[in-house]
PDB file of all heavy atoms in Angstrom:
ATOM      1  N   ALA A   1     203.897  16.696  48.077  1.00  0.00           N
ATOM      2  CA  ALA A   1     203.515  17.983  47.521  1.00  0.00           C
ATOM      3  C   ALA A   1     204.415  19.077  48.062  1.00  0.00           C
ATOM      4  O   ALA A   1     204.868  19.960  47.337  1.00  0.00           O
ATOM      5  CB  ALA A   1     202.045  18.287  47.862  1.00  0.00           C
ATOM      6  N   ARG A   2     204.689  19.030  49.341  1.00  0.00           N
ATOM      7  CA  ARG A   2     205.561  20.031  49.948  1.00  0.00           C
ATOM      8  C   ARG A   2     206.988  19.897  49.421  1.00  0.00           C
ATOM      9  O   ARG A   2     207.709  20.875  49.274  1.00  0.00           O
ATOM     10  CB  ARG A   2     205.541  19.853  51.469  1.00  0.00           C
ATOM     11  CG  ARG A   2     206.407  20.850  52.218  1.00  0.00           C
ATOM     12  CD  ARG A   2     206.289  20.649  53.708  1.00  0.00           C
ATOM     13  NE  ARG A   2     206.616  19.295  54.092  1.00  0.00           N
ATOM     14  CZ  ARG A   2     206.556  18.863  55.344  1.00  0.00           C
ATOM     15  NH1 ARG A   2     206.129  19.651  56.309  1.00  0.00           N
ATOM     16  NH2 ARG A   2     206.868  17.622  55.637  1.00  0.00           N
ATOM     17  N   PHE A   3     207.372  18.670  49.093  1.00  0.00           N
ATOM     18  CA  PHE A   3     208.727  18.393  48.661  1.00  0.00           C
ATOM     19  C   PHE A   3     208.933  18.728  47.191  1.00  0.00           C
ATOM     20  O   PHE A   3     210.058  18.861  46.736  1.00  0.00           O
ATOM     21  CB  PHE A   3     209.021  16.904  48.905  1.00  0.00           C
ATOM     22  CG  PHE A   3     210.473  16.578  49.055  1.00  0.00           C
ATOM     23  CD1 PHE A   3     211.192  17.059  50.124  1.00  0.00           C
ATOM     24  CD2 PHE A   3     211.116  15.764  48.136  1.00  0.00           C
ATOM     25  CE1 PHE A   3     212.536  16.743  50.278  1.00  0.00           C
ATOM     26  CE2 PHE A   3     212.448  15.434  48.278  1.00  0.00           C
ATOM     27  CZ  PHE A   3     213.158  15.935  49.349  1.00  0.00           C
ATOM     28  N   PHE A   4     207.836  18.854  46.426  1.00  0.00           N
ATOM     29  CA  PHE A   4     207.942  19.122  44.995  1.00  0.00           C
ATOM     30  C   PHE A   4     207.811  20.626  44.743  1.00  0.00           C
ATOM     31  O   PHE A   4     206.784  21.220  45.042  1.00  0.00           O
ATOM     32  CB  PHE A   4     206.858  18.362  44.238  1.00  0.00           C
ATOM     33  CG  PHE A   4     206.925  18.544  42.755  1.00  0.00           C
ATOM     34  CD1 PHE A   4     208.074  18.222  42.052  1.00  0.00           C
ATOM     35  CD2 PHE A   4     205.850  19.045  42.052  1.00  0.00           C
ATOM     36  CE1 PHE A   4     208.144  18.394  40.685  1.00  0.00           C
ATOM     37  CE2 PHE A   4     205.906  19.222  40.691  1.00  0.00           C
ATOM     38  CZ  PHE A   4     207.056  18.893  40.001  1.00  0.00           C
ATOM     39  N   PRO A   5     208.828  21.268  44.176  1.00  0.00           N
ATOM     40  CA  PRO A   5     208.886  22.730  44.078  1.00  0.00           C
ATOM     41  C   PRO A   5     208.128  23.288  42.875  1.00  0.00           C
ATOM     42  O   PRO A   5     208.742  23.769  41.918  1.00  0.00           O
ATOM     43  CB  PRO A   5     210.383  22.985  43.951  1.00  0.00           C
ATOM     44  CG  PRO A   5     210.875  21.803  43.184  1.00  0.00           C
ATOM     45  CD  PRO A   5     210.032  20.631  43.625  1.00  0.00           C
ATOM     46  N   VAL A   6     206.825  23.254  42.894  1.00  0.00           N
ATOM     47  CA  VAL A   6     206.026  23.743  41.769  1.00  0.00           C
ATOM     48  C   VAL A   6     206.342  25.206  41.467  1.00  0.00           C
ATOM     49  O   VAL A   6     206.465  25.611  40.313  1.00  0.00           O
ATOM     50  CB  VAL A   6     204.530  23.568  42.067  1.00  0.00           C
ATOM     51  CG1 VAL A   6     203.678  24.162  40.951  1.00  0.00           C
ATOM     52  CG2 VAL A   6     204.195  22.095  42.251  1.00  0.00           C
ATOM     53  N   HIS A   7     206.507  26.002  42.523  1.00  0.00           N
ATOM     54  CA  HIS A   7     206.716  27.437  42.336  1.00  0.00           C
ATOM     55  C   HIS A   7     208.017  27.750  41.606  1.00  0.00           C
ATOM     56  O   HIS A   7     208.131  28.785  40.936  1.00  0.00           O
ATOM     57  CB  HIS A   7     206.720  28.141  43.694  1.00  0.00           C
ATOM     58  CG  HIS A   7     207.826  27.704  44.592  1.00  0.00           C
ATOM     59  ND1 HIS A   7     207.800  26.502  45.281  1.00  0.00           N
ATOM     60  CD2 HIS A   7     209.022  28.287  44.910  1.00  0.00           C
ATOM     61  CE1 HIS A   7     208.911  26.369  45.983  1.00  0.00           C
ATOM     62  NE2 HIS A   7     209.658  27.432  45.778  1.00  0.00           N
ATOM     63  N   ILE A   8     209.009  26.872  41.709  1.00  0.00           N
ATOM     64  CA  ILE A   8     210.297  27.133  41.055  1.00  0.00           C
ATOM     65  C   ILE A   8     210.143  27.161  39.541  1.00  0.00           C
ATOM     66  O   ILE A   8     210.863  27.864  38.847  1.00  0.00           O
ATOM     67  CB  ILE A   8     211.341  26.070  41.487  1.00  0.00           C
ATOM     68  CG1 ILE A   8     211.780  26.350  42.917  1.00  0.00           C
ATOM     69  CG2 ILE A   8     212.541  26.044  40.577  1.00  0.00           C
ATOM     70  CD1 ILE A   8     212.827  25.404  43.427  1.00  0.00           C
ATOM     71  N   PHE A   9     209.181  26.400  39.027  1.00  0.00           N
ATOM     72  CA  PHE A   9     208.900  26.436  37.599  1.00  0.00           C
ATOM     73  C   PHE A   9     207.914  27.543  37.247  1.00  0.00           C
ATOM     74  O   PHE A   9     208.093  28.271  36.271  1.00  0.00           O
ATOM     75  CB  PHE A   9     208.338  25.083  37.144  1.00  0.00           C
ATOM     76  CG  PHE A   9     207.999  25.026  35.673  1.00  0.00           C
ATOM     77  CD1 PHE A   9     208.965  24.686  34.745  1.00  0.00           C
ATOM     78  CD2 PHE A   9     206.715  25.302  35.215  1.00  0.00           C
ATOM     79  CE1 PHE A   9     208.672  24.639  33.393  1.00  0.00           C
ATOM     80  CE2 PHE A   9     206.406  25.257  33.876  1.00  0.00           C
ATOM     81  CZ  PHE A   9     207.390  24.914  32.956  1.00  0.00           C
ATOM     82  N   VAL A  10     206.872  27.675  38.053  1.00  0.00           N
ATOM     83  CA  VAL A  10     205.760  28.563  37.714  1.00  0.00           C
ATOM     84  C   VAL A  10     206.146  30.039  37.758  1.00  0.00           C
ATOM     85  O   VAL A  10     205.818  30.803  36.835  1.00  0.00           O
ATOM     86  CB  VAL A  10     204.558  28.293  38.642  1.00  0.00           C
ATOM     87  CG1 VAL A  10     203.498  29.382  38.488  1.00  0.00           C
ATOM     88  CG2 VAL A  10     203.961  26.933  38.321  1.00  0.00           C
ATOM     89  N   PHE A  11     206.852  30.459  38.811  1.00  0.00           N
ATOM     90  CA  PHE A  11     207.129  31.890  38.967  1.00  0.00           C
ATOM     91  C   PHE A  11     207.948  32.481  37.819  1.00  0.00           C
ATOM     92  O   PHE A  11     207.599  33.551  37.298  1.00  0.00           O
ATOM     93  CB  PHE A  11     207.806  32.154  40.309  1.00  0.00           C
ATOM     94  CG  PHE A  11     206.865  32.002  41.486  1.00  0.00           C
ATOM     95  CD1 PHE A  11     207.347  31.954  42.779  1.00  0.00           C
ATOM     96  CD2 PHE A  11     205.498  31.913  41.295  1.00  0.00           C
ATOM     97  CE1 PHE A  11     206.487  31.811  43.863  1.00  0.00           C
ATOM     98  CE2 PHE A  11     204.618  31.775  42.368  1.00  0.00           C
ATOM     99  CZ  PHE A  11     205.127  31.720  43.649  1.00  0.00           C
ATOM    100  N   PRO A  12     209.034  31.848  37.357  1.00  0.00           N
ATOM    101  CA  PRO A  12     209.739  32.404  36.186  1.00  0.00           C
ATOM    102  C   PRO A  12     208.841  32.460  34.947  1.00  0.00           C
ATOM    103  O   PRO A  12     208.916  33.422  34.169  1.00  0.00           O
ATOM    104  CB  PRO A  12     210.906  31.423  35.971  1.00  0.00           C
ATOM    105  CG  PRO A  12     211.138  30.823  37.304  1.00  0.00           C
ATOM    106  CD  PRO A  12     209.782  30.698  37.921  1.00  0.00           C
ATOM    107  N   CYS A  13     207.990  31.441  34.768  1.00  0.00           N
ATOM    108  CA  CYS A  13     207.095  31.431  33.613  1.00  0.00           C
ATOM    109  C   CYS A  13     206.088  32.575  33.677  1.00  0.00           C
ATOM    110  O   CYS A  13     205.790  33.218  32.668  1.00  0.00           O
ATOM    111  CB  CYS A  13     206.363  30.095  33.528  1.00  0.00           C
ATOM    112  SG  CYS A  13     207.419  28.688  33.119  1.00  0.00           S
ATOM    113  N   ILE A  14     205.565  32.829  34.881  1.00  0.00           N
ATOM    114  CA  ILE A  14     204.617  33.938  35.039  1.00  0.00           C
ATOM    115  C   ILE A  14     205.311  35.275  34.784  1.00  0.00           C
ATOM    116  O   ILE A  14     204.752  36.163  34.112  1.00  0.00           O
ATOM    117  CB  ILE A  14     204.002  33.909  36.451  1.00  0.00           C
ATOM    118  CG1 ILE A  14     203.060  32.707  36.593  1.00  0.00           C
ATOM    119  CG2 ILE A  14     203.232  35.207  36.732  1.00  0.00           C
ATOM    120  CD1 ILE A  14     202.446  32.563  37.976  1.00  0.00           C
ATOM    121  N   ILE A  15     206.513  35.423  35.289  1.00  0.00           N
ATOM    122  CA  ILE A  15     207.263  36.673  35.065  1.00  0.00           C
ATOM    123  C   ILE A  15     207.492  36.891  33.573  1.00  0.00           C
ATOM    124  O   ILE A  15     207.287  37.995  33.048  1.00  0.00           O
ATOM    125  CB  ILE A  15     208.614  36.633  35.818  1.00  0.00           C
ATOM    126  CG1 ILE A  15     208.362  36.685  37.325  1.00  0.00           C
ATOM    127  CG2 ILE A  15     209.506  37.798  35.388  1.00  0.00           C
ATOM    128  CD1 ILE A  15     209.610  36.438  38.154  1.00  0.00           C
ATOM    129  N   GLY A  16     207.920  35.839  32.871  1.00  0.00           N
ATOM    130  CA  GLY A  16     208.144  35.953  31.437  1.00  0.00           C
ATOM    131  C   GLY A  16     206.875  36.313  30.684  1.00  0.00           C
ATOM    132  O   GLY A  16     206.896  37.131  29.758  1.00  0.00           O
ATOM    133  N   THR A  17     205.763  35.715  31.090  1.00  0.00           N
ATOM    134  CA  THR A  17     204.483  35.991  30.444  1.00  0.00           C
ATOM    135  C   THR A  17     204.060  37.447  30.659  1.00  0.00           C
ATOM    136  O   THR A  17     203.618  38.138  29.724  1.00  0.00           O
ATOM    137  CB  THR A  17     203.392  35.055  30.983  1.00  0.00           C
ATOM    138  OG1 THR A  17     203.772  33.697  30.749  1.00  0.00           O
ATOM    139  CG2 THR A  17     202.055  35.317  30.308  1.00  0.00           C
ATOM    140  N   LEU A  18     204.206  37.947  31.889  1.00  0.00           N
ATOM    141  CA  LEU A  18     203.819  39.337  32.195  1.00  0.00           C
ATOM    142  C   LEU A  18     204.695  40.328  31.442  1.00  0.00           C
ATOM    143  O   LEU A  18     204.209  41.361  30.950  1.00  0.00           O
ATOM    144  CB  LEU A  18     203.911  39.573  33.702  1.00  0.00           C
ATOM    145  CG  LEU A  18     202.882  38.812  34.562  1.00  0.00           C
ATOM    146  CD1 LEU A  18     203.140  39.048  36.037  1.00  0.00           C
ATOM    147  CD2 LEU A  18     201.458  39.226  34.189  1.00  0.00           C
ATOM    148  N   ILE A  19     205.997  40.048  31.360  1.00  0.00           N
ATOM    149  CA  ILE A  19     206.899  40.929  30.609  1.00  0.00           C
ATOM    150  C   ILE A  19     206.457  41.003  29.149  1.00  0.00           C
ATOM    151  O   ILE A  19     206.426  42.077  28.542  1.00  0.00           O
ATOM    152  CB  ILE A  19     208.359  40.437  30.707  1.00  0.00           C
ATOM    153  CG1 ILE A  19     208.886  40.639  32.128  1.00  0.00           C
ATOM    154  CG2 ILE A  19     209.247  41.175  29.705  1.00  0.00           C
ATOM    155  CD1 ILE A  19     210.281  40.067  32.350  1.00  0.00           C
ATOM    156  N   GLN A  20     206.104  39.862  28.597  1.00  0.00           N
ATOM    157  CA  GLN A  20     205.702  39.829  27.191  1.00  0.00           C
ATOM    158  C   GLN A  20     204.365  40.520  26.973  1.00  0.00           C
ATOM    159  O   GLN A  20     204.143  41.148  25.931  1.00  0.00           O
ATOM    160  CB  GLN A  20     205.629  38.375  26.717  1.00  0.00           C
ATOM    161  CG  GLN A  20     205.524  38.236  25.209  1.00  0.00           C
ATOM    162  CD  GLN A  20     205.957  36.861  24.738  1.00  0.00           C
ATOM    163  OE1 GLN A  20     206.958  36.337  25.200  1.00  0.00           O
ATOM    164  NE2 GLN A  20     205.197  36.294  23.814  1.00  0.00           N
ATOM    165  N   ILE A  21     203.458  40.432  27.965  1.00  0.00           N
ATOM    166  CA  ILE A  21     202.164  41.104  27.834  1.00  0.00           C
ATOM    167  C   ILE A  21     202.335  42.616  27.749  1.00  0.00           C
ATOM    168  O   ILE A  21     201.718  43.295  26.907  1.00  0.00           O
ATOM    169  CB  ILE A  21     201.246  40.742  29.023  1.00  0.00           C
ATOM    170  CG1 ILE A  21     200.794  39.286  28.938  1.00  0.00           C
ATOM    171  CG2 ILE A  21     200.014  41.663  29.053  1.00  0.00           C
ATOM    172  CD1 ILE A  21     200.005  38.821  30.151  1.00  0.00           C
ATOM    173  N   PHE A  22     203.180  43.155  28.628  1.00  0.00           N
ATOM    174  CA  PHE A  22     203.286  44.618  28.748  1.00  0.00           C
ATOM    175  C   PHE A  22     204.414  45.223  27.921  1.00  0.00           C
ATOM    176  O   PHE A  22     204.627  46.433  27.972  1.00  0.00           O
ATOM    177  CB  PHE A  22     203.461  44.994  30.225  1.00  0.00           C
ATOM    178  CG  PHE A  22     202.266  44.638  31.068  1.00  0.00           C
ATOM    179  CD1 PHE A  22     202.329  43.584  31.970  1.00  0.00           C
ATOM    180  CD2 PHE A  22     201.079  45.339  30.945  1.00  0.00           C
ATOM    181  CE1 PHE A  22     201.235  43.250  32.753  1.00  0.00           C
ATOM    182  CE2 PHE A  22     199.976  45.012  31.722  1.00  0.00           C
ATOM    183  CZ  PHE A  22     200.047  43.959  32.629  1.00  0.00           C
ATOM    184  N   ASN A  23     205.125  44.393  27.175  1.00  0.00           N
ATOM    185  CA  ASN A  23     206.204  44.915  26.324  1.00  0.00           C
ATOM    186  C   ASN A  23     206.079  44.309  24.930  1.00  0.00           C
ATOM    187  O   ASN A  23     206.719  43.310  24.601  1.00  0.00           O
ATOM    188  CB  ASN A  23     207.574  44.580  26.925  1.00  0.00           C
ATOM    189  CG  ASN A  23     207.831  45.311  28.222  1.00  0.00           C
ATOM    190  OD1 ASN A  23     208.336  46.427  28.243  1.00  0.00           O
ATOM    191  ND2 ASN A  23     207.483  44.655  29.323  1.00  0.00           N
ATOM    192  N   TYR A  24     205.238  44.926  24.139  1.00  0.00           N
ATOM    193  CA  TYR A  24     204.990  44.442  22.785  1.00  0.00           C
ATOM    194  C   TYR A  24     206.276  44.448  21.965  1.00  0.00           C
ATOM    195  O   TYR A  24     207.019  45.422  21.958  1.00  0.00           O
ATOM    196  CB  TYR A  24     203.943  45.318  22.097  1.00  0.00           C
ATOM    197  CG  TYR A  24     203.639  44.894  20.679  1.00  0.00           C
ATOM    198  CD1 TYR A  24     203.014  43.680  20.440  1.00  0.00           C
ATOM    199  CD2 TYR A  24     203.997  45.696  19.598  1.00  0.00           C
ATOM    200  CE1 TYR A  24     202.730  43.271  19.144  1.00  0.00           C
ATOM    201  CE2 TYR A  24     203.718  45.309  18.298  1.00  0.00           C
ATOM    202  CZ  TYR A  24     203.098  44.086  18.082  1.00  0.00           C
ATOM    203  OH  TYR A  24     202.830  43.675  16.798  1.00  0.00           O
ATOM    204  N   GLY A  25     206.535  43.321  21.326  1.00  0.00           N
ATOM    205  CA  GLY A  25     207.745  43.207  20.518  1.00  0.00           C
ATOM    206  C   GLY A  25     208.884  42.526  21.249  1.00  0.00           C
ATOM    207  O   GLY A  25     209.877  42.136  20.628  1.00  0.00           O
ATOM    208  N   LEU A  26     208.756  42.380  22.573  1.00  0.00           N
ATOM    209  CA  LEU A  26     209.786  41.705  23.369  1.00  0.00           C
ATOM    210  C   LEU A  26     209.319  40.282  23.655  1.00  0.00           C
ATOM    211  O   LEU A  26     208.471  40.048  24.498  1.00  0.00           O
ATOM    212  CB  LEU A  26     210.019  42.462  24.680  1.00  0.00           C
ATOM    213  CG  LEU A  26     211.191  41.993  25.550  1.00  0.00           C
ATOM    214  CD1 LEU A  26     212.510  42.121  24.799  1.00  0.00           C
ATOM    215  CD2 LEU A  26     211.241  42.794  26.848  1.00  0.00           C
ATOM    216  N   SER A  27     209.870  39.327  22.937  1.00  0.00           N
ATOM    217  CA  SER A  27     209.446  37.931  23.053  1.00  0.00           C
ATOM    218  C   SER A  27     210.370  37.178  24.002  1.00  0.00           C
ATOM    219  O   SER A  27     211.440  36.693  23.608  1.00  0.00           O
ATOM    220  CB  SER A  27     209.459  37.265  21.665  1.00  0.00           C
ATOM    221  OG  SER A  27     208.996  35.944  21.744  1.00  0.00           O
ATOM    222  N   VAL A  28     209.950  37.095  25.280  1.00  0.00           N
ATOM    223  CA  VAL A  28     210.786  36.447  26.294  1.00  0.00           C
ATOM    224  C   VAL A  28     210.096  35.238  26.926  1.00  0.00           C
ATOM    225  O   VAL A  28     210.641  34.636  27.849  1.00  0.00           O
ATOM    226  CB  VAL A  28     211.178  37.456  27.397  1.00  0.00           C
ATOM    227  CG1 VAL A  28     212.041  38.574  26.835  1.00  0.00           C
ATOM    228  CG2 VAL A  28     209.933  38.019  28.082  1.00  0.00           C
ATOM    229  N   GLY A  29     208.921  34.898  26.443  1.00  0.00           N
ATOM    230  CA  GLY A  29     208.171  33.798  27.037  1.00  0.00           C
ATOM    231  C   GLY A  29     208.953  32.494  27.054  1.00  0.00           C
ATOM    232  O   GLY A  29     209.116  31.865  28.105  1.00  0.00           O
ATOM    233  N   TRP A  30     209.460  32.099  25.893  1.00  0.00           N
ATOM    234  CA  TRP A  30     210.210  30.842  25.810  1.00  0.00           C
ATOM    235  C   TRP A  30     211.535  30.907  26.561  1.00  0.00           C
ATOM    236  O   TRP A  30     212.004  29.904  27.099  1.00  0.00           O
ATOM    237  CB  TRP A  30     210.464  30.477  24.346  1.00  0.00           C
ATOM    238  CG  TRP A  30     209.261  29.879  23.681  1.00  0.00           C
ATOM    239  CD1 TRP A  30     208.477  30.464  22.725  1.00  0.00           C
ATOM    240  CD2 TRP A  30     208.684  28.600  23.941  1.00  0.00           C
ATOM    241  NE1 TRP A  30     207.447  29.629  22.375  1.00  0.00           N
ATOM    242  CE2 TRP A  30     207.546  28.472  23.101  1.00  0.00           C
ATOM    243  CE3 TRP A  30     209.005  27.556  24.800  1.00  0.00           C
ATOM    244  CZ2 TRP A  30     206.744  27.336  23.092  1.00  0.00           C
ATOM    245  CZ3 TRP A  30     208.205  26.416  24.797  1.00  0.00           C
ATOM    246  CH2 TRP A  30     207.089  26.310  23.950  1.00  0.00           C
ATOM    247  N   LEU A  31     212.126  32.092  26.615  1.00  0.00           N
ATOM    248  CA  LEU A  31     213.378  32.251  27.372  1.00  0.00           C
ATOM    249  C   LEU A  31     213.150  31.928  28.843  1.00  0.00           C
ATOM    250  O   LEU A  31     213.913  31.159  29.452  1.00  0.00           O
ATOM    251  CB  LEU A  31     213.907  33.679  27.223  1.00  0.00           C
ATOM    252  CG  LEU A  31     215.103  34.042  28.124  1.00  0.00           C
ATOM    253  CD1 LEU A  31     216.310  33.186  27.778  1.00  0.00           C
ATOM    254  CD2 LEU A  31     215.429  35.531  27.989  1.00  0.00           C
ATOM    255  N   PHE A  32     212.079  32.478  29.421  1.00  0.00           N
ATOM    256  CA  PHE A  32     211.804  32.238  30.840  1.00  0.00           C
ATOM    257  C   PHE A  32     211.327  30.805  31.092  1.00  0.00           C
ATOM    258  O   PHE A  32     211.581  30.245  32.153  1.00  0.00           O
ATOM    259  CB  PHE A  32     210.790  33.258  31.352  1.00  0.00           C
ATOM    260  CG  PHE A  32     211.401  34.567  31.749  1.00  0.00           C
ATOM    261  CD1 PHE A  32     211.697  35.531  30.796  1.00  0.00           C
ATOM    262  CD2 PHE A  32     211.721  34.834  33.074  1.00  0.00           C
ATOM    263  CE1 PHE A  32     212.278  36.742  31.151  1.00  0.00           C
ATOM    264  CE2 PHE A  32     212.299  36.038  33.440  1.00  0.00           C
ATOM    265  CZ  PHE A  32     212.585  36.994  32.484  1.00  0.00           C
ATOM    266  N   VAL A  33     210.636  30.205  30.125  1.00  0.00           N
ATOM    267  CA  VAL A  33     210.260  28.797  30.249  1.00  0.00           C
ATOM    268  C   VAL A  33     211.510  27.928  30.292  1.00  0.00           C
ATOM    269  O   VAL A  33     211.615  26.985  31.088  1.00  0.00           O
ATOM    270  CB  VAL A  33     209.341  28.369  29.091  1.00  0.00           C
ATOM    271  CG1 VAL A  33     209.201  26.836  29.047  1.00  0.00           C
ATOM    272  CG2 VAL A  33     207.962  28.997  29.242  1.00  0.00           C
ATOM    273  N   SER A  34     212.505  28.268  29.444  1.00  0.00           N
ATOM    274  CA  SER A  34     213.769  27.517  29.435  1.00  0.00           C
ATOM    275  C   SER A  34     214.494  27.654  30.762  1.00  0.00           C
ATOM    276  O   SER A  34     215.041  26.678  31.295  1.00  0.00           O
ATOM    277  CB  SER A  34     214.661  28.012  28.299  1.00  0.00           C
ATOM    278  OG  SER A  34     214.039  27.830  27.035  1.00  0.00           O
ATOM    279  N   ILE A  35     214.494  28.868  31.315  1.00  0.00           N
ATOM    280  CA  ILE A  35     215.121  29.091  32.619  1.00  0.00           C
ATOM    281  C   ILE A  35     214.407  28.275  33.695  1.00  0.00           C
ATOM    282  O   ILE A  35     215.037  27.650  34.554  1.00  0.00           O
ATOM    283  CB  ILE A  35     215.102  30.591  32.978  1.00  0.00           C
ATOM    284  CG1 ILE A  35     216.018  31.371  32.030  1.00  0.00           C
ATOM    285  CG2 ILE A  35     215.522  30.808  34.431  1.00  0.00           C
ATOM    286  CD1 ILE A  35     215.912  32.877  32.181  1.00  0.00           C
ATOM    287  N   ALA A  36     213.071  28.269  33.631  1.00  0.00           N
ATOM    288  CA  ALA A  36     212.291  27.507  34.608  1.00  0.00           C
ATOM    289  C   ALA A  36     212.599  26.011  34.519  1.00  0.00           C
ATOM    290  O   ALA A  36     212.707  25.328  35.538  1.00  0.00           O
ATOM    291  CB  ALA A  36     210.793  27.750  34.377  1.00  0.00           C
ATOM    292  N   PHE A  37     212.746  25.503  33.295  1.00  0.00           N
ATOM    293  CA  PHE A  37     213.085  24.093  33.116  1.00  0.00           C
ATOM    294  C   PHE A  37     214.451  23.779  33.722  1.00  0.00           C
ATOM    295  O   PHE A  37     214.658  22.716  34.312  1.00  0.00           O
ATOM    296  CB  PHE A  37     213.080  23.712  31.635  1.00  0.00           C
ATOM    297  CG  PHE A  37     211.736  23.285  31.125  1.00  0.00           C
ATOM    298  CD1 PHE A  37     211.157  23.918  30.029  1.00  0.00           C
ATOM    299  CD2 PHE A  37     211.038  22.252  31.730  1.00  0.00           C
ATOM    300  CE1 PHE A  37     209.913  23.527  29.556  1.00  0.00           C
ATOM    301  CE2 PHE A  37     209.784  21.854  31.267  1.00  0.00           C
ATOM    302  CZ  PHE A  37     209.228  22.499  30.176  1.00  0.00           C
ATOM    303  N   GLN A  38     215.396  24.696  33.602  1.00  0.00           N
ATOM    304  CA  GLN A  38     216.715  24.491  34.201  1.00  0.00           C
ATOM    305  C   GLN A  38     216.619  24.448  35.719  1.00  0.00           C
ATOM    306  O   GLN A  38     217.254  23.618  36.379  1.00  0.00           O
ATOM    307  CB  GLN A  38     217.666  25.608  33.757  1.00  0.00           C
ATOM    308  CG  GLN A  38     218.085  25.540  32.307  1.00  0.00           C
ATOM    309  CD  GLN A  38     218.856  24.276  31.977  1.00  0.00           C
ATOM    310  OE1 GLN A  38     219.725  23.844  32.725  1.00  0.00           O
ATOM    311  NE2 GLN A  38     218.521  23.666  30.845  1.00  0.00           N
ATOM    312  N   PHE A  39     215.818  25.352  36.280  1.00  0.00           N
ATOM    313  CA  PHE A  39     215.620  25.375  37.734  1.00  0.00           C
ATOM    314  C   PHE A  39     215.032  24.051  38.219  1.00  0.00           C
ATOM    315  O   PHE A  39     215.512  23.449  39.181  1.00  0.00           O
ATOM    316  CB  PHE A  39     214.678  26.521  38.124  1.00  0.00           C
ATOM    317  CG  PHE A  39     215.305  27.879  38.096  1.00  0.00           C
ATOM    318  CD1 PHE A  39     214.523  29.026  38.064  1.00  0.00           C
ATOM    319  CD2 PHE A  39     216.680  28.026  38.103  1.00  0.00           C
ATOM    320  CE1 PHE A  39     215.099  30.287  38.042  1.00  0.00           C
ATOM    321  CE2 PHE A  39     217.275  29.280  38.078  1.00  0.00           C
ATOM    322  CZ  PHE A  39     216.484  30.410  38.044  1.00  0.00           C
ATOM    323  N   ILE A  40     213.957  23.612  37.545  1.00  0.00           N
ATOM    324  CA  ILE A  40     213.260  22.416  38.004  1.00  0.00           C
ATOM    325  C   ILE A  40     214.122  21.179  37.805  1.00  0.00           C
ATOM    326  O   ILE A  40     214.103  20.253  38.622  1.00  0.00           O
ATOM    327  CB  ILE A  40     211.892  22.268  37.291  1.00  0.00           C
ATOM    328  CG1 ILE A  40     210.933  21.396  38.120  1.00  0.00           C
ATOM    329  CG2 ILE A  40     212.017  21.695  35.913  1.00  0.00           C
ATOM    330  CD1 ILE A  40     210.428  22.040  39.352  1.00  0.00           C
ATOM    331  N   GLN A  41     214.919  21.159  36.730  1.00  0.00           N
ATOM    332  CA  GLN A  41     215.797  20.016  36.498  1.00  0.00           C
ATOM    333  C   GLN A  41     216.848  19.901  37.596  1.00  0.00           C
ATOM    334  O   GLN A  41     217.109  18.810  38.109  1.00  0.00           O
ATOM    335  CB  GLN A  41     216.476  20.136  35.135  1.00  0.00           C
ATOM    336  CG  GLN A  41     217.363  18.945  34.786  1.00  0.00           C
ATOM    337  CD  GLN A  41     218.034  19.088  33.443  1.00  0.00           C
ATOM    338  OE1 GLN A  41     218.281  20.189  32.967  1.00  0.00           O
ATOM    339  NE2 GLN A  41     218.352  17.978  32.813  1.00  0.00           N
ATOM    340  N   SER A  42     217.433  21.028  37.965  1.00  0.00           N
ATOM    341  CA  SER A  42     218.448  21.015  39.023  1.00  0.00           C
ATOM    342  C   SER A  42     217.854  20.606  40.355  1.00  0.00           C
ATOM    343  O   SER A  42     218.437  19.808  41.100  1.00  0.00           O
ATOM    344  CB  SER A  42     219.090  22.408  39.147  1.00  0.00           C
ATOM    345  OG  SER A  42     219.745  22.766  37.957  1.00  0.00           O
ATOM    346  N   TYR A  43     216.670  21.141  40.656  1.00  0.00           N
ATOM    347  CA  TYR A  43     216.038  20.831  41.933  1.00  0.00           C
ATOM    348  C   TYR A  43     215.638  19.362  41.999  1.00  0.00           C
ATOM    349  O   TYR A  43     215.850  18.686  43.008  1.00  0.00           O
ATOM    350  CB  TYR A  43     214.818  21.730  42.152  1.00  0.00           C
ATOM    351  CG  TYR A  43     214.371  21.808  43.592  1.00  0.00           C
ATOM    352  CD1 TYR A  43     214.703  22.903  44.373  1.00  0.00           C
ATOM    353  CD2 TYR A  43     213.630  20.788  44.166  1.00  0.00           C
ATOM    354  CE1 TYR A  43     214.305  22.982  45.698  1.00  0.00           C
ATOM    355  CE2 TYR A  43     213.230  20.856  45.488  1.00  0.00           C
ATOM    356  CZ  TYR A  43     213.566  21.959  46.251  1.00  0.00           C
ATOM    357  OH  TYR A  43     213.181  22.011  47.564  1.00  0.00           O
ATOM    358  N   LEU A  44     215.053  18.853  40.914  1.00  0.00           N
ATOM    359  CA  LEU A  44     214.608  17.463  40.906  1.00  0.00           C
ATOM    360  C   LEU A  44     215.786  16.501  40.950  1.00  0.00           C
ATOM    361  O   LEU A  44     215.672  15.397  41.503  1.00  0.00           O
ATOM    362  CB  LEU A  44     213.754  17.190  39.668  1.00  0.00           C
ATOM    363  CG  LEU A  44     212.376  17.855  39.648  1.00  0.00           C
ATOM    364  CD1 LEU A  44     211.633  17.508  38.363  1.00  0.00           C
ATOM    365  CD2 LEU A  44     211.553  17.433  40.855  1.00  0.00           C
TER     366      LEU A  44
END
């Protein structure tokens, strides 16, 4: 559990979600999910 970087995926996704919540018309959710997937792929 300590060795698996859950936060590396979750934090970018949360940031993208919050940006999209407070900025109507700015659709960045999938962009940040894609970035998170790149992070987790490199780390794994």
